[in-house]
Amino acid sequence: MAKVTGKYEAMYVIDAALAEENIASIVENFKSLVEQKATLTEVSEWGKRRLAYPINHKNEGYYVLMTFESAPAFPAELERRFNITDGVIRSLVVDLGE
């Protein structure tokens, strides 16, 4: 039988050089997107941290971790939004399974 909903985890890194208002705006936009299309379980803002390796000549990023439950098609849309959003330098969406 096809999977109706699944548990997912999304981690994304925002450019730490952005203003605090811009970072907060990006976090709020993704939070509201997930709340509209899925059931948001938790949002954990890890804050500014040093990157493991430079990305686009940047050494720091603002880390955000979200867990949610959604239909299997939504994570692909979320990844697409991460990729086209200015300020997001890395993202990863993982299926947590059962």
C-alpha atoms as a PDB file:
ATOM      1  CA  MET A   1       0.000   0.000   0.000  1.00  0.00           C
ATOM      2  CA  ALA A   2       1.262   3.506  -0.817  1.00  0.00           C
ATOM      3  CA  LYS A   3       2.603   5.673   1.949  1.00  0.00           C
ATOM      4  CA  VAL A   4       0.131   8.419   2.904  1.00  0.00           C
ATOM      5  CA  THR A   5       2.335  10.450   5.246  1.00  0.00           C
ATOM      6  CA  GLY A   6       5.897  10.208   6.422  1.00  0.00           C
ATOM      7  CA  LYS A   7       8.164  11.764   9.015  1.00  0.00           C
ATOM      8  CA  TYR A   8      10.866  14.031   7.635  1.00  0.00           C
ATOM      9  CA  GLU A   9      13.705  16.160   8.922  1.00  0.00           C
ATOM     10  CA  ALA A  10      14.985  19.241   7.097  1.00  0.00           C
ATOM     11  CA  MET A  11      18.273  20.943   7.914  1.00  0.00           C
ATOM     12  CA  TYR A  12      19.220  24.155   6.171  1.00  0.00           C
ATOM     13  CA  VAL A  13      22.057  26.629   6.524  1.00  0.00           C
ATOM     14  CA  ILE A  14      21.519  30.344   5.963  1.00  0.00           C
ATOM     15  CA  ASP A  15      24.315  32.769   5.122  1.00  0.00           C
ATOM     16  CA  ALA A  16      25.410  34.180   8.498  1.00  0.00           C
ATOM     17  CA  ALA A  17      26.491  37.450   6.848  1.00  0.00           C
ATOM     18  CA  LEU A  18      22.832  38.429   6.344  1.00  0.00           C
ATOM     19  CA  ALA A  19      21.152  40.841   8.744  1.00  0.00           C
ATOM     20  CA  GLU A  20      19.270  39.285  11.668  1.00  0.00           C
ATOM     21  CA  GLU A  21      15.954  40.496  10.216  1.00  0.00           C
ATOM     22  CA  ASN A  22      16.671  38.712   6.925  1.00  0.00           C
ATOM     23  CA  ILE A  23      17.612  35.480   8.698  1.00  0.00           C
ATOM     24  CA  ALA A  24      14.453  35.643  10.826  1.00  0.00           C
ATOM     25  CA  SER A  25      12.393  36.292   7.700  1.00  0.00           C
ATOM     26  CA  ILE A  26      13.810  33.243   5.897  1.00  0.00           C
ATOM     27  CA  VAL A  27      13.199  31.018   8.942  1.00  0.00           C
ATOM     28  CA  GLU A  28       9.632  32.314   9.271  1.00  0.00           C
ATOM     29  CA  ASN A  29       8.933  31.809   5.545  1.00  0.00           C
ATOM     30  CA  PHE A  30       9.992  28.160   5.647  1.00  0.00           C
ATOM     31  CA  LYS A  31       8.184  27.597   8.922  1.00  0.00           C
ATOM     32  CA  SER A  32       4.920  28.950   7.481  1.00  0.00           C
ATOM     33  CA  LEU A  33       5.394  26.939   4.257  1.00  0.00           C
ATOM     34  CA  VAL A  34       5.743  23.704   6.231  1.00  0.00           C
ATOM     35  CA  GLU A  35       2.773  24.607   8.455  1.00  0.00           C
ATOM     36  CA  GLN A  36       0.610  25.151   5.349  1.00  0.00           C
ATOM     37  CA  LYS A  37       1.527  21.906   3.577  1.00  0.00           C
ATOM     38  CA  ALA A  38       2.426  19.575   6.473  1.00  0.00           C
ATOM     39  CA  THR A  39       2.287  19.059  10.224  1.00  0.00           C
ATOM     40  CA  LEU A  40       5.248  20.847  11.799  1.00  0.00           C
ATOM     41  CA  THR A  41       6.613  18.935  14.776  1.00  0.00           C
ATOM     42  CA  GLU A  42       9.591  21.055  15.830  1.00  0.00           C
ATOM     43  CA  VAL A  43      11.784  23.947  14.718  1.00  0.00           C
ATOM     44  CA  SER A  44      15.198  24.130  16.329  1.00  0.00           C
ATOM     45  CA  GLU A  45      17.349  27.150  15.532  1.00  0.00           C
ATOM     46  CA  TRP A  46      20.948  26.228  16.271  1.00  0.00           C
ATOM     47  CA  GLY A  47      22.205  29.708  15.492  1.00  0.00           C
ATOM     48  CA  LYS A  48      25.529  30.753  13.993  1.00  0.00           C
ATOM     49  CA  ARG A  49      28.128  28.019  13.765  1.00  0.00           C
ATOM     50  CA  ARG A  50      31.376  27.500  11.944  1.00  0.00           C
ATOM     51  CA  LEU A  51      31.007  25.470   8.767  1.00  0.00           C
ATOM     52  CA  ALA A  52      32.987  22.244   8.423  1.00  0.00           C
ATOM     53  CA  TYR A  53      34.454  23.612   5.183  1.00  0.00           C
ATOM     54  CA  PRO A  54      34.076  26.933   3.341  1.00  0.00           C
ATOM     55  CA  ILE A  55      31.011  27.238   1.119  1.00  0.00           C
ATOM     56  CA  ASN A  56      31.157  30.069  -1.431  1.00  0.00           C
ATOM     57  CA  HIS A  57      34.060  31.590   0.539  1.00  0.00           C
ATOM     58  CA  LYS A  58      31.941  31.715   3.735  1.00  0.00           C
ATOM     59  CA  ASN A  59      33.079  30.144   6.999  1.00  0.00           C
ATOM     60  CA  GLU A  60      29.939  30.611   9.133  1.00  0.00           C
ATOM     61  CA  GLY A  61      26.304  29.720   8.697  1.00  0.00           C
ATOM     62  CA  TYR A  62      23.031  29.967  10.613  1.00  0.00           C
ATOM     63  CA  TYR A  63      21.693  26.425  11.150  1.00  0.00           C
ATOM     64  CA  VAL A  64      17.991  25.524  11.374  1.00  0.00           C
ATOM     65  CA  LEU A  65      16.529  22.038  11.910  1.00  0.00           C
ATOM     66  CA  MET A  66      12.841  21.253  11.287  1.00  0.00           C
ATOM     67  CA  THR A  67      10.941  18.004  11.783  1.00  0.00           C
ATOM     68  CA  PHE A  68       7.539  17.491  10.180  1.00  0.00           C
ATOM     69  CA  GLU A  69       5.039  14.958   8.836  1.00  0.00           C
ATOM     70  CA  SER A  70       3.778  15.296   5.291  1.00  0.00           C
ATOM     71  CA  ALA A  71       2.734  13.579   2.095  1.00  0.00           C
ATOM     72  CA  PRO A  72       5.648  12.059   0.153  1.00  0.00           C
ATOM     73  CA  ALA A  73       5.495  14.749  -2.569  1.00  0.00           C
ATOM     74  CA  PHE A  74       6.080  17.733  -0.261  1.00  0.00           C
ATOM     75  CA  PRO A  75       9.807  17.181   0.569  1.00  0.00           C
ATOM     76  CA  ALA A  76      10.714  17.560  -3.112  1.00  0.00           C
ATOM     77  CA  GLU A  77       8.862  20.898  -3.211  1.00  0.00           C
ATOM     78  CA  LEU A  78      10.609  22.000  -0.007  1.00  0.00           C
ATOM     79  CA  GLU A  79      14.029  21.133  -1.486  1.00  0.00           C
ATOM     80  CA  ARG A  80      13.141  23.114  -4.609  1.00  0.00           C
ATOM     81  CA  ARG A  81      12.275  26.135  -2.457  1.00  0.00           C
ATOM     82  CA  PHE A  82      15.541  25.798  -0.519  1.00  0.00           C
ATOM     83  CA  ASN A  83      17.482  25.776  -3.799  1.00  0.00           C
ATOM     84  CA  ILE A  84      15.866  28.923  -5.209  1.00  0.00           C
ATOM     85  CA  THR A  85      15.891  31.000  -2.013  1.00  0.00           C
ATOM     86  CA  ASP A  86      18.656  33.597  -1.810  1.00  0.00           C
ATOM     87  CA  GLY A  87      20.530  33.281   1.457  1.00  0.00           C
ATOM     88  CA  VAL A  88      20.206  29.491   1.857  1.00  0.00           C
ATOM     89  CA  ILE A  89      23.663  28.049   1.203  1.00  0.00           C
ATOM     90  CA  ARG A  90      22.985  24.342   1.961  1.00  0.00           C
ATOM     91  CA  SER A  91      19.968  22.180   2.698  1.00  0.00           C
ATOM     92  CA  LEU A  92      19.082  18.545   3.234  1.00  0.00           C
ATOM     93  CA  VAL A  93      15.709  16.828   3.643  1.00  0.00           C
ATOM     94  CA  VAL A  94      15.757  13.299   5.076  1.00  0.00           C
ATOM     95  CA  ASP A  95      13.004  10.689   5.382  1.00  0.00           C
ATOM     96  CA  LEU A  96      13.105   9.451   8.981  1.00  0.00           C
ATOM     97  CA  GLY A  97      11.293   6.221   8.082  1.00  0.00           C
ATOM     98  CA  GLU A  98       9.282   4.296  10.590  1.00  0.00           C
END
